């Protein structure tokens, strides 16, 4: 939803292979179908990613590096606010991990 979906829509309109990285399979798949229908671009894919989990970030990055021949653009757009204080299973504060550590790790892993 929001800015991320708008950016994905614009990239798909430009005929880019576009990967939506979403926490929710249901919401992500709905966005993929909407973007494909609006742009006529069948090369819009869904991959599950939770930037609040460093294990999820590592798995996502590994799959992208293994499956995609190249990566031209990365848009880090994950963000949460107003969550109650919580510690992840990895021992990190949830909001900080989701908004900063996860995207930072993802970017660095995808740099190769």
PDB file of N, CA and C in Angstrom:
ATOM      1  N   UNK A   1       0.843  -1.188   0.000  1.00  0.00           N
ATOM      2  CA  UNK A   1       0.000   0.000   0.000  1.00  0.00           C
ATOM      3  C   UNK A   1       0.881   1.242   0.000  1.00  0.00           C
ATOM      4  N   UNK A   2       0.321   2.382  -0.247  1.00  0.00           N
ATOM      5  CA  UNK A   2       1.023   3.644  -0.104  1.00  0.00           C
ATOM      6  C   UNK A   2       2.138   3.865  -1.111  1.00  0.00           C
ATOM      7  N   UNK A   3       3.214   4.459  -0.622  1.00  0.00           N
ATOM      8  CA  UNK A   3       4.332   4.837  -1.483  1.00  0.00           C
ATOM      9  C   UNK A   3       4.946   3.623  -2.171  1.00  0.00           C
ATOM     10  N   UNK A   4       5.126   2.536  -1.446  1.00  0.00           N
ATOM     11  CA  UNK A   4       5.727   1.340  -2.031  1.00  0.00           C
ATOM     12  C   UNK A   4       4.942   0.818  -3.211  1.00  0.00           C
ATOM     13  N   UNK A   5       3.634   0.789  -3.074  1.00  0.00           N
ATOM     14  CA  UNK A   5       2.785   0.312  -4.166  1.00  0.00           C
ATOM     15  C   UNK A   5       2.836   1.267  -5.353  1.00  0.00           C
ATOM     16  N   UNK A   6       2.868   2.555  -5.087  1.00  0.00           N
ATOM     17  CA  UNK A   6       2.973   3.544  -6.171  1.00  0.00           C
ATOM     18  C   UNK A   6       4.291   3.403  -6.927  1.00  0.00           C
ATOM     19  N   UNK A   7       5.371   3.196  -6.198  1.00  0.00           N
ATOM     20  CA  UNK A   7       6.677   3.015  -6.841  1.00  0.00           C
ATOM     21  C   UNK A   7       6.678   1.732  -7.675  1.00  0.00           C
ATOM     22  N   UNK A   8       6.147   0.655  -7.117  1.00  0.00           N
ATOM     23  CA  UNK A   8       6.078  -0.604  -7.856  1.00  0.00           C
ATOM     24  C   UNK A   8       5.233  -0.455  -9.114  1.00  0.00           C
ATOM     25  N   UNK A   9       4.128   0.259  -9.012  1.00  0.00           N
ATOM     26  CA  UNK A   9       3.262   0.502 -10.168  1.00  0.00           C
ATOM     27  C   UNK A   9       4.025   1.254 -11.255  1.00  0.00           C
ATOM     28  N   UNK A  10       4.772   2.285 -10.865  1.00  0.00           N
ATOM     29  CA  UNK A  10       5.533   3.074 -11.837  1.00  0.00           C
ATOM     30  C   UNK A  10       6.619   2.231 -12.505  1.00  0.00           C
ATOM     31  N   UNK A  11       7.322   1.429 -11.730  1.00  0.00           N
ATOM     32  CA  UNK A  11       8.363   0.574 -12.308  1.00  0.00           C
ATOM     33  C   UNK A  11       7.747  -0.434 -13.275  1.00  0.00           C
ATOM     34  N   UNK A  12       6.624  -1.019 -12.901  1.00  0.00           N
ATOM     35  CA  UNK A  12       5.955  -1.975 -13.780  1.00  0.00           C
ATOM     36  C   UNK A  12       5.468  -1.302 -15.059  1.00  0.00           C
ATOM     37  N   UNK A  13       4.989  -0.074 -14.954  1.00  0.00           N
ATOM     38  CA  UNK A  13       4.567   0.667 -16.151  1.00  0.00           C
ATOM     39  C   UNK A  13       5.732   0.883 -17.116  1.00  0.00           C
ATOM     40  N   UNK A  14       6.936   0.948 -16.571  1.00  0.00           N
ATOM     41  CA  UNK A  14       8.145   1.133 -17.392  1.00  0.00           C
ATOM     42  C   UNK A  14       8.690  -0.203 -17.896  1.00  0.00           C
ATOM     43  N   UNK A  15       7.903  -1.256 -17.744  1.00  0.00           N
ATOM     44  CA  UNK A  15       8.235  -2.619 -18.177  1.00  0.00           C
ATOM     45  C   UNK A  15       9.354  -3.263 -17.375  1.00  0.00           C
ATOM     46  N   UNK A  16       9.592  -2.795 -16.187  1.00  0.00           N
ATOM     47  CA  UNK A  16      10.615  -3.396 -15.337  1.00  0.00           C
ATOM     48  C   UNK A  16      10.086  -4.676 -14.708  1.00  0.00           C
ATOM     49  N   UNK A  17      10.953  -5.669 -14.601  1.00  0.00           N
ATOM     50  CA  UNK A  17      10.623  -6.822 -13.754  1.00  0.00           C
ATOM     51  C   UNK A  17      10.604  -6.272 -12.338  1.00  0.00           C
ATOM     52  N   UNK A  18       9.495  -6.444 -11.658  1.00  0.00           N
ATOM     53  CA  UNK A  18       9.283  -5.796 -10.367  1.00  0.00           C
ATOM     54  C   UNK A  18       8.955  -6.844  -9.313  1.00  0.00           C
ATOM     55  N   UNK A  19       9.731  -6.834  -8.240  1.00  0.00           N
ATOM     56  CA  UNK A  19       9.504  -7.773  -7.137  1.00  0.00           C
ATOM     57  C   UNK A  19       8.938  -6.997  -5.960  1.00  0.00           C
ATOM     58  N   UNK A  20       7.757  -7.382  -5.533  1.00  0.00           N
ATOM     59  CA  UNK A  20       7.166  -6.798  -4.330  1.00  0.00           C
ATOM     60  C   UNK A  20       7.583  -7.659  -3.151  1.00  0.00           C
ATOM     61  N   UNK A  21       8.240  -7.069  -2.193  1.00  0.00           N
ATOM     62  CA  UNK A  21       8.681  -7.771  -0.990  1.00  0.00           C
ATOM     63  C   UNK A  21       7.709  -7.395   0.119  1.00  0.00           C
ATOM     64  N   UNK A  22       6.876  -8.341   0.525  1.00  0.00           N
ATOM     65  CA  UNK A  22       5.780  -8.051   1.457  1.00  0.00           C
ATOM     66  C   UNK A  22       5.778  -9.035   2.627  1.00  0.00           C
ATOM     67  N   UNK A  23       5.292  -8.559   3.761  1.00  0.00           N
ATOM     68  CA  UNK A  23       5.118  -9.444   4.927  1.00  0.00           C
ATOM     69  C   UNK A  23       3.914 -10.352   4.750  1.00  0.00           C
ATOM     70  N   UNK A  24       2.850  -9.823   4.173  1.00  0.00           N
ATOM     71  CA  UNK A  24       1.589 -10.560   4.055  1.00  0.00           C
ATOM     72  C   UNK A  24       1.429 -11.119   2.641  1.00  0.00           C
ATOM     73  N   UNK A  25       1.291 -12.438   2.563  1.00  0.00           N
ATOM     74  CA  UNK A  25       1.089 -13.070   1.255  1.00  0.00           C
ATOM     75  C   UNK A  25      -0.213 -12.588   0.621  1.00  0.00           C
ATOM     76  N   UNK A  26      -1.281 -12.487   1.422  1.00  0.00           N
ATOM     77  CA  UNK A  26      -2.589 -12.112   0.882  1.00  0.00           C
ATOM     78  C   UNK A  26      -2.571 -10.677   0.331  1.00  0.00           C
ATOM     79  N   UNK A  27      -2.095  -9.734   1.134  1.00  0.00           N
ATOM     80  CA  UNK A  27      -2.051  -8.332   0.681  1.00  0.00           C
ATOM     81  C   UNK A  27      -1.067  -8.161  -0.470  1.00  0.00           C
ATOM     82  N   UNK A  28       0.049  -8.860  -0.388  1.00  0.00           N
ATOM     83  CA  UNK A  28       1.043  -8.782  -1.459  1.00  0.00           C
ATOM     84  C   UNK A  28       0.513  -9.315  -2.773  1.00  0.00           C
ATOM     85  N   UNK A  29      -0.159 -10.465  -2.721  1.00  0.00           N
ATOM     86  CA  UNK A  29      -0.701 -11.044  -3.950  1.00  0.00           C
ATOM     87  C   UNK A  29      -1.779 -10.153  -4.550  1.00  0.00           C
ATOM     88  N   UNK A  30      -2.594  -9.542  -3.708  1.00  0.00           N
ATOM     89  CA  UNK A  30      -3.609  -8.605  -4.211  1.00  0.00           C
ATOM     90  C   UNK A  30      -2.944  -7.427  -4.907  1.00  0.00           C
ATOM     91  N   UNK A  31      -1.855  -6.919  -4.352  1.00  0.00           N
ATOM     92  CA  UNK A  31      -1.133  -5.804  -4.981  1.00  0.00           C
ATOM     93  C   UNK A  31      -0.506  -6.235  -6.306  1.00  0.00           C
ATOM     94  N   UNK A  32       0.058  -7.438  -6.347  1.00  0.00           N
ATOM     95  CA  UNK A  32       0.644  -7.955  -7.590  1.00  0.00           C
ATOM     96  C   UNK A  32      -0.414  -8.010  -8.681  1.00  0.00           C
ATOM     97  N   UNK A  33      -1.566  -8.567  -8.353  1.00  0.00           N
ATOM     98  CA  UNK A  33      -2.635  -8.703  -9.351  1.00  0.00           C
ATOM     99  C   UNK A  33      -3.126  -7.332  -9.814  1.00  0.00           C
ATOM    100  N   UNK A  34      -3.258  -6.396  -8.893  1.00  0.00           N
ATOM    101  CA  UNK A  34      -3.689  -5.051  -9.259  1.00  0.00           C
ATOM    102  C   UNK A  34      -2.667  -4.368 -10.169  1.00  0.00           C
ATOM    103  N   UNK A  35      -1.406  -4.506  -9.853  1.00  0.00           N
ATOM    104  CA  UNK A  35      -0.354  -3.866 -10.664  1.00  0.00           C
ATOM    105  C   UNK A  35      -0.272  -4.511 -12.042  1.00  0.00           C
ATOM    106  N   UNK A  36      -0.351  -5.828 -12.090  1.00  0.00           N
ATOM    107  CA  UNK A  36      -0.339  -6.507 -13.398  1.00  0.00           C
ATOM    108  C   UNK A  36      -1.511  -6.045 -14.257  1.00  0.00           C
ATOM    109  N   UNK A  37      -2.693  -5.964 -13.676  1.00  0.00           N
ATOM    110  CA  UNK A  37      -3.884  -5.558 -14.431  1.00  0.00           C
ATOM    111  C   UNK A  37      -3.776  -4.115 -14.896  1.00  0.00           C
ATOM    112  N   UNK A  38      -3.272  -3.238 -14.049  1.00  0.00           N
ATOM    113  CA  UNK A  38      -3.199  -1.818 -14.385  1.00  0.00           C
ATOM    114  C   UNK A  38      -2.120  -1.507 -15.410  1.00  0.00           C
ATOM    115  N   UNK A  39      -1.043  -2.318 -15.419  1.00  0.00           N
ATOM    116  CA  UNK A  39       0.099  -1.994 -16.285  1.00  0.00           C
ATOM    117  C   UNK A  39       0.230  -2.922 -17.482  1.00  0.00           C
ATOM    118  N   UNK A  40      -0.414  -4.077 -17.419  1.00  0.00           N
ATOM    119  CA  UNK A  40      -0.232  -5.068 -18.483  1.00  0.00           C
ATOM    120  C   UNK A  40       1.122  -5.755 -18.411  1.00  0.00           C
ATOM    121  N   UNK A  41       1.850  -5.558 -17.343  1.00  0.00           N
ATOM    122  CA  UNK A  41       3.171  -6.152 -17.172  1.00  0.00           C
ATOM    123  C   UNK A  41       3.038  -7.458 -16.374  1.00  0.00           C
ATOM    124  N   UNK A  42       3.300  -8.607 -17.019  1.00  0.00           N
ATOM    125  CA  UNK A  42       3.191  -9.874 -16.292  1.00  0.00           C
ATOM    126  C   UNK A  42       4.401 -10.158 -15.395  1.00  0.00           C
ATOM    127  N   UNK A  43       5.462  -9.369 -15.527  1.00  0.00           N
ATOM    128  CA  UNK A  43       6.709  -9.615 -14.791  1.00  0.00           C
ATOM    129  C   UNK A  43       6.719  -8.903 -13.439  1.00  0.00           C
ATOM    130  N   UNK A  44       5.617  -9.055 -12.712  1.00  0.00           N
ATOM    131  CA  UNK A  44       5.508  -8.518 -11.356  1.00  0.00           C
ATOM    132  C   UNK A  44       5.383  -9.725 -10.439  1.00  0.00           C
ATOM    133  N   UNK A  45       6.311  -9.837  -9.490  1.00  0.00           N
ATOM    134  CA  UNK A  45       6.373 -11.026  -8.640  1.00  0.00           C
ATOM    135  C   UNK A  45       6.262 -10.652  -7.167  1.00  0.00           C
ATOM    136  N   UNK A  46       5.855 -11.606  -6.374  1.00  0.00           N
ATOM    137  CA  UNK A  46       5.761 -11.442  -4.929  1.00  0.00           C
ATOM    138  C   UNK A  46       6.802 -12.314  -4.260  1.00  0.00           C
ATOM    139  N   UNK A  47       7.518 -11.742  -3.313  1.00  0.00           N
ATOM    140  CA  UNK A  47       8.427 -12.485  -2.440  1.00  0.00           C
ATOM    141  C   UNK A  47       8.125 -12.051  -1.016  1.00  0.00           C
ATOM    142  N   UNK A  48       8.080 -12.987  -0.114  1.00  0.00           N
ATOM    143  CA  UNK A  48       7.794 -12.656   1.283  1.00  0.00           C
ATOM    144  C   UNK A  48       9.052 -12.147   1.970  1.00  0.00           C
ATOM    145  N   UNK A  49       8.888 -11.067   2.727  1.00  0.00           N
ATOM    146  CA  UNK A  49       9.991 -10.456   3.458  1.00  0.00           C
ATOM    147  C   UNK A  49       9.444  -9.711   4.661  1.00  0.00           C
ATOM    148  N   UNK A  50      10.055  -9.960   5.805  1.00  0.00           N
ATOM    149  CA  UNK A  50       9.748  -9.208   7.023  1.00  0.00           C
ATOM    150  C   UNK A  50      11.053  -8.581   7.469  1.00  0.00           C
ATOM    151  N   UNK A  51      11.199  -7.277   7.286  1.00  0.00           N
ATOM    152  CA  UNK A  51      12.453  -6.619   7.662  1.00  0.00           C
ATOM    153  C   UNK A  51      12.635  -6.558   9.175  1.00  0.00           C
ATOM    154  N   UNK A  52      11.618  -6.950   9.927  1.00  0.00           N
ATOM    155  CA  UNK A  52      11.738  -7.047  11.373  1.00  0.00           C
ATOM    156  C   UNK A  52      12.393  -8.342  11.822  1.00  0.00           C
ATOM    157  N   UNK A  53      12.714  -9.201  10.877  1.00  0.00           N
ATOM    158  CA  UNK A  53      13.382 -10.473  11.154  1.00  0.00           C
ATOM    159  C   UNK A  53      14.633 -10.560  10.296  1.00  0.00           C
ATOM    160  N   UNK A  54      15.782 -10.565  10.932  1.00  0.00           N
ATOM    161  CA  UNK A  54      17.029 -10.629  10.167  1.00  0.00           C
ATOM    162  C   UNK A  54      17.158 -11.967   9.443  1.00  0.00           C
ATOM    163  N   UNK A  55      16.573 -13.020   9.986  1.00  0.00           N
ATOM    164  CA  UNK A  55      16.562 -14.312   9.293  1.00  0.00           C
ATOM    165  C   UNK A  55      15.755 -14.206   8.000  1.00  0.00           C
ATOM    166  N   UNK A  56      14.622 -13.517   8.041  1.00  0.00           N
ATOM    167  CA  UNK A  56      13.810 -13.307   6.844  1.00  0.00           C
ATOM    168  C   UNK A  56      14.573 -12.485   5.809  1.00  0.00           C
ATOM    169  N   UNK A  57      15.265 -11.467   6.266  1.00  0.00           N
ATOM    170  CA  UNK A  57      16.067 -10.626   5.363  1.00  0.00           C
ATOM    171  C   UNK A  57      17.137 -11.470   4.682  1.00  0.00           C
ATOM    172  N   UNK A  58      17.831 -12.285   5.453  1.00  0.00           N
ATOM    173  CA  UNK A  58      18.895 -13.128   4.884  1.00  0.00           C
ATOM    174  C   UNK A  58      18.329 -14.127   3.868  1.00  0.00           C
ATOM    175  N   UNK A  59      17.199 -14.734   4.180  1.00  0.00           N
ATOM    176  CA  UNK A  59      16.582 -15.695   3.265  1.00  0.00           C
ATOM    177  C   UNK A  59      16.126 -15.010   1.980  1.00  0.00           C
ATOM    178  N   UNK A  60      15.522 -13.836   2.106  1.00  0.00           N
ATOM    179  CA  UNK A  60      15.075 -13.085   0.934  1.00  0.00           C
ATOM    180  C   UNK A  60      16.258 -12.716   0.046  1.00  0.00           C
ATOM    181  N   UNK A  61      17.305 -12.155   0.639  1.00  0.00           N
ATOM    182  CA  UNK A  61      18.478 -11.738  -0.128  1.00  0.00           C
ATOM    183  C   UNK A  61      19.127 -12.928  -0.822  1.00  0.00           C
ATOM    184  N   UNK A  62      19.221 -14.039  -0.128  1.00  0.00           N
ATOM    185  CA  UNK A  62      19.805 -15.236  -0.714  1.00  0.00           C
ATOM    186  C   UNK A  62      19.012 -15.698  -1.926  1.00  0.00           C
ATOM    187  N   UNK A  63      17.692 -15.696  -1.812  1.00  0.00           N
ATOM    188  CA  UNK A  63      16.832 -16.119  -2.925  1.00  0.00           C
ATOM    189  C   UNK A  63      16.959 -15.169  -4.109  1.00  0.00           C
ATOM    190  N   UNK A  64      16.983 -13.867  -3.847  1.00  0.00           N
ATOM    191  CA  UNK A  64      17.107 -12.890  -4.938  1.00  0.00           C
ATOM    192  C   UNK A  64      18.444 -13.066  -5.643  1.00  0.00           C
ATOM    193  N   UNK A  65      19.515 -13.204  -4.891  1.00  0.00           N
ATOM    194  CA  UNK A  65      20.834 -13.368  -5.511  1.00  0.00           C
ATOM    195  C   UNK A  65      20.929 -14.665  -6.298  1.00  0.00           C
ATOM    196  N   UNK A  66      20.239 -15.700  -5.837  1.00  0.00           N
ATOM    197  CA  UNK A  66      20.261 -16.993  -6.513  1.00  0.00           C
ATOM    198  C   UNK A  66      19.369 -17.004  -7.765  1.00  0.00           C
ATOM    199  N   UNK A  67      18.218 -16.325  -7.695  1.00  0.00           N
ATOM    200  CA  UNK A  67      17.211 -16.448  -8.749  1.00  0.00           C
ATOM    201  C   UNK A  67      17.221 -15.333  -9.786  1.00  0.00           C
ATOM    202  N   UNK A  68      17.724 -14.176  -9.441  1.00  0.00           N
ATOM    203  CA  UNK A  68      17.663 -13.042 -10.356  1.00  0.00           C
ATOM    204  C   UNK A  68      19.031 -12.811 -11.004  1.00  0.00           C
ATOM    205  N   UNK A  69      19.059 -12.633 -12.322  1.00  0.00           N
ATOM    206  CA  UNK A  69      20.351 -12.417 -12.991  1.00  0.00           C
ATOM    207  C   UNK A  69      20.984 -11.063 -12.657  1.00  0.00           C
ATOM    208  N   UNK A  70      20.143 -10.098 -12.272  1.00  0.00           N
ATOM    209  CA  UNK A  70      20.672  -8.778 -11.925  1.00  0.00           C
ATOM    210  C   UNK A  70      19.637  -8.014 -11.114  1.00  0.00           C
ATOM    211  N   UNK A  71      20.112  -7.000 -10.429  1.00  0.00           N
ATOM    212  CA  UNK A  71      19.247  -6.115  -9.654  1.00  0.00           C
ATOM    213  C   UNK A  71      19.671  -4.693  -9.971  1.00  0.00           C
ATOM    214  N   UNK A  72      18.786  -3.926 -10.569  1.00  0.00           N
ATOM    215  CA  UNK A  72      19.124  -2.567 -10.977  1.00  0.00           C
ATOM    216  C   UNK A  72      18.695  -1.511  -9.973  1.00  0.00           C
ATOM    217  N   UNK A  73      17.565  -1.724  -9.319  1.00  0.00           N
ATOM    218  CA  UNK A  73      17.017  -0.725  -8.406  1.00  0.00           C
ATOM    219  C   UNK A  73      16.514  -1.432  -7.155  1.00  0.00           C
ATOM    220  N   UNK A  74      16.836  -0.864  -6.001  1.00  0.00           N
ATOM    221  CA  UNK A  74      16.303  -1.353  -4.734  1.00  0.00           C
ATOM    222  C   UNK A  74      15.629  -0.183  -4.042  1.00  0.00           C
ATOM    223  N   UNK A  75      14.372  -0.352  -3.691  1.00  0.00           N
ATOM    224  CA  UNK A  75      13.637   0.682  -2.970  1.00  0.00           C
ATOM    225  C   UNK A  75      13.300   0.129  -1.589  1.00  0.00           C
ATOM    226  N   UNK A  76      13.959   0.647  -0.573  1.00  0.00           N
ATOM    227  CA  UNK A  76      13.664   0.256   0.805  1.00  0.00           C
ATOM    228  C   UNK A  76      12.552   1.153   1.315  1.00  0.00           C
ATOM    229  N   UNK A  77      11.391   0.556   1.573  1.00  0.00           N
ATOM    230  CA  UNK A  77      10.227   1.342   1.948  1.00  0.00           C
ATOM    231  C   UNK A  77       9.507   0.797   3.169  1.00  0.00           C
ATOM    232  N   UNK A  78      10.071  -0.208   3.818  1.00  0.00           N
ATOM    233  CA  UNK A  78       9.405  -0.780   4.992  1.00  0.00           C
ATOM    234  C   UNK A  78       9.447   0.215   6.137  1.00  0.00           C
ATOM    235  N   UNK A  79       8.406   0.221   6.912  1.00  0.00           N
ATOM    236  CA  UNK A  79       8.410   1.100   8.067  1.00  0.00           C
ATOM    237  C   UNK A  79       7.199   0.872   8.944  1.00  0.00           C
ATOM    238  N   UNK A  80       7.426   0.967  10.232  1.00  0.00           N
ATOM    239  CA  UNK A  80       6.337   0.863  11.199  1.00  0.00           C
ATOM    240  C   UNK A  80       6.499   1.987  12.210  1.00  0.00           C
ATOM    241  N   UNK A  81       5.402   2.354  12.826  1.00  0.00           N
ATOM    242  CA  UNK A  81       5.434   3.376  13.864  1.00  0.00           C
ATOM    243  C   UNK A  81       4.326   3.091  14.860  1.00  0.00           C
ATOM    244  N   UNK A  82       4.517   3.545  16.060  1.00  0.00           N
ATOM    245  CA  UNK A  82       3.484   3.416  17.068  1.00  0.00           C
ATOM    246  C   UNK A  82       3.318   2.038  17.669  1.00  0.00           C
ATOM    247  N   UNK A  83       4.260   1.143  17.405  1.00  0.00           N
ATOM    248  CA  UNK A  83       4.167  -0.186  17.999  1.00  0.00           C
ATOM    249  C   UNK A  83       4.558  -0.122  19.468  1.00  0.00           C
ATOM    250  N   UNK A  84       3.964  -0.965  20.286  1.00  0.00           N
ATOM    251  CA  UNK A  84       4.436  -1.033  21.671  1.00  0.00           C
ATOM    252  C   UNK A  84       5.847  -1.626  21.686  1.00  0.00           C
ATOM    253  N   UNK A  85       6.605  -1.280  22.701  1.00  0.00           N
ATOM    254  CA  UNK A  85       7.961  -1.790  22.819  1.00  0.00           C
ATOM    255  C   UNK A  85       7.939  -3.317  22.784  1.00  0.00           C
ATOM    256  N   UNK A  86       8.765  -3.889  21.911  1.00  0.00           N
ATOM    257  CA  UNK A  86       8.847  -5.348  21.809  1.00  0.00           C
ATOM    258  C   UNK A  86      10.245  -5.736  21.364  1.00  0.00           C
ATOM    259  N   UNK A  87      10.666  -6.882  21.805  1.00  0.00           N
ATOM    260  CA  UNK A  87      11.963  -7.439  21.428  1.00  0.00           C
ATOM    261  C   UNK A  87      11.714  -8.600  20.463  1.00  0.00           C
ATOM    262  N   UNK A  88      12.470  -8.628  19.369  1.00  0.00           N
ATOM    263  CA  UNK A  88      12.332  -9.711  18.391  1.00  0.00           C
ATOM    264  C   UNK A  88      12.926 -10.997  18.948  1.00  0.00           C
ATOM    265  N   UNK A  89      12.683 -12.087  18.263  1.00  0.00           N
ATOM    266  CA  UNK A  89      13.256 -13.373  18.673  1.00  0.00           C
ATOM    267  C   UNK A  89      14.784 -13.343  18.575  1.00  0.00           C
ATOM    268  N   UNK A  90      15.312 -12.364  17.833  1.00  0.00           N
ATOM    269  CA  UNK A  90      16.769 -12.219  17.687  1.00  0.00           C
ATOM    270  C   UNK A  90      17.360 -11.273  18.738  1.00  0.00           C
ATOM    271  N   UNK A  91      16.489 -10.804  19.662  1.00  0.00           N
ATOM    272  CA  UNK A  91      16.959  -9.968  20.763  1.00  0.00           C
ATOM    273  C   UNK A  91      17.096  -8.499  20.439  1.00  0.00           C
ATOM    274  N   UNK A  92      16.428  -8.034  19.399  1.00  0.00           N
ATOM    275  CA  UNK A  92      16.522  -6.639  18.959  1.00  0.00           C
ATOM    276  C   UNK A  92      15.179  -5.938  19.133  1.00  0.00           C
ATOM    277  N   UNK A  93      15.199  -4.634  19.312  1.00  0.00           N
ATOM    278  CA  UNK A  93      13.959  -3.863  19.440  1.00  0.00           C
ATOM    279  C   UNK A  93      13.238  -3.877  18.087  1.00  0.00           C
ATOM    280  N   UNK A  94      11.950  -4.190  18.092  1.00  0.00           N
ATOM    281  CA  UNK A  94      11.177  -4.448  16.878  1.00  0.00           C
ATOM    282  C   UNK A  94      11.137  -3.264  15.903  1.00  0.00           C
ATOM    283  N   UNK A  95      10.792  -2.084  16.366  1.00  0.00           N
ATOM    284  CA  UNK A  95      10.664  -0.941  15.465  1.00  0.00           C
ATOM    285  C   UNK A  95      12.006  -0.591  14.831  1.00  0.00           C
ATOM    286  N   UNK A  96      13.071  -0.557  15.625  1.00  0.00           N
ATOM    287  CA  UNK A  96      14.405  -0.248  15.122  1.00  0.00           C
ATOM    288  C   UNK A  96      14.854  -1.293  14.099  1.00  0.00           C
ATOM    289  N   UNK A  97      14.563  -2.546  14.375  1.00  0.00           N
ATOM    290  CA  UNK A  97      14.935  -3.612  13.448  1.00  0.00           C
ATOM    291  C   UNK A  97      14.179  -3.481  12.135  1.00  0.00           C
ATOM    292  N   UNK A  98      12.870  -3.268  12.216  1.00  0.00           N
ATOM    293  CA  UNK A  98      12.038  -3.173  11.010  1.00  0.00           C
ATOM    294  C   UNK A  98      12.398  -1.964  10.158  1.00  0.00           C
ATOM    295  N   UNK A  99      12.614  -0.828  10.804  1.00  0.00           N
ATOM    296  CA  UNK A  99      12.823   0.416  10.067  1.00  0.00           C
ATOM    297  C   UNK A  99      14.259   0.654   9.640  1.00  0.00           C
ATOM    298  N   UNK A 100      15.227   0.127  10.373  1.00  0.00           N
ATOM    299  CA  UNK A 100      16.631   0.466  10.099  1.00  0.00           C
ATOM    300  C   UNK A 100      17.523  -0.744   9.871  1.00  0.00           C
ATOM    301  N   UNK A 101      17.591  -1.641  10.850  1.00  0.00           N
ATOM    302  CA  UNK A 101      18.536  -2.753  10.741  1.00  0.00           C
ATOM    303  C   UNK A 101      18.203  -3.685   9.579  1.00  0.00           C
ATOM    304  N   UNK A 102      16.935  -4.043   9.420  1.00  0.00           N
ATOM    305  CA  UNK A 102      16.535  -4.940   8.328  1.00  0.00           C
ATOM    306  C   UNK A 102      16.853  -4.373   6.958  1.00  0.00           C
ATOM    307  N   UNK A 103      16.421  -3.137   6.658  1.00  0.00           N
ATOM    308  CA  UNK A 103      16.753  -2.552   5.352  1.00  0.00           C
ATOM    309  C   UNK A 103      18.263  -2.369   5.144  1.00  0.00           C
ATOM    310  N   UNK A 104      18.991  -2.020   6.205  1.00  0.00           N
ATOM    311  CA  UNK A 104      20.446  -1.865   6.097  1.00  0.00           C
ATOM    312  C   UNK A 104      21.098  -3.201   5.745  1.00  0.00           C
ATOM    313  N   UNK A 105      20.698  -4.257   6.457  1.00  0.00           N
ATOM    314  CA  UNK A 105      21.236  -5.587   6.170  1.00  0.00           C
ATOM    315  C   UNK A 105      20.875  -6.018   4.754  1.00  0.00           C
ATOM    316  N   UNK A 106      19.630  -5.824   4.356  1.00  0.00           N
ATOM    317  CA  UNK A 106      19.190  -6.209   3.011  1.00  0.00           C
ATOM    318  C   UNK A 106      20.034  -5.526   1.943  1.00  0.00           C
ATOM    319  N   UNK A 107      20.196  -4.225   2.070  1.00  0.00           N
ATOM    320  CA  UNK A 107      20.987  -3.485   1.078  1.00  0.00           C
ATOM    321  C   UNK A 107      22.402  -4.045   0.994  1.00  0.00           C
ATOM    322  N   UNK A 108      23.018  -4.278   2.131  1.00  0.00           N
ATOM    323  CA  UNK A 108      24.394  -4.763   2.134  1.00  0.00           C
ATOM    324  C   UNK A 108      24.513  -6.185   1.585  1.00  0.00           C
ATOM    325  N   UNK A 109      23.547  -7.036   1.873  1.00  0.00           N
ATOM    326  CA  UNK A 109      23.581  -8.386   1.337  1.00  0.00           C
ATOM    327  C   UNK A 109      23.398  -8.404  -0.189  1.00  0.00           C
ATOM    328  N   UNK A 110      22.568  -7.497  -0.697  1.00  0.00           N
ATOM    329  CA  UNK A 110      22.308  -7.465  -2.135  1.00  0.00           C
ATOM    330  C   UNK A 110      23.422  -6.791  -2.935  1.00  0.00           C
ATOM    331  N   UNK A 111      24.295  -6.074  -2.249  1.00  0.00           N
ATOM    332  CA  UNK A 111      25.419  -5.452  -2.944  1.00  0.00           C
ATOM    333  C   UNK A 111      26.395  -6.501  -3.486  1.00  0.00           C
ATOM    334  N   UNK A 112      26.394  -7.677  -2.872  1.00  0.00           N
ATOM    335  CA  UNK A 112      27.209  -8.770  -3.381  1.00  0.00           C
ATOM    336  C   UNK A 112      28.658  -8.711  -3.042  1.00  0.00           C
TER     337      UNK A 112
END
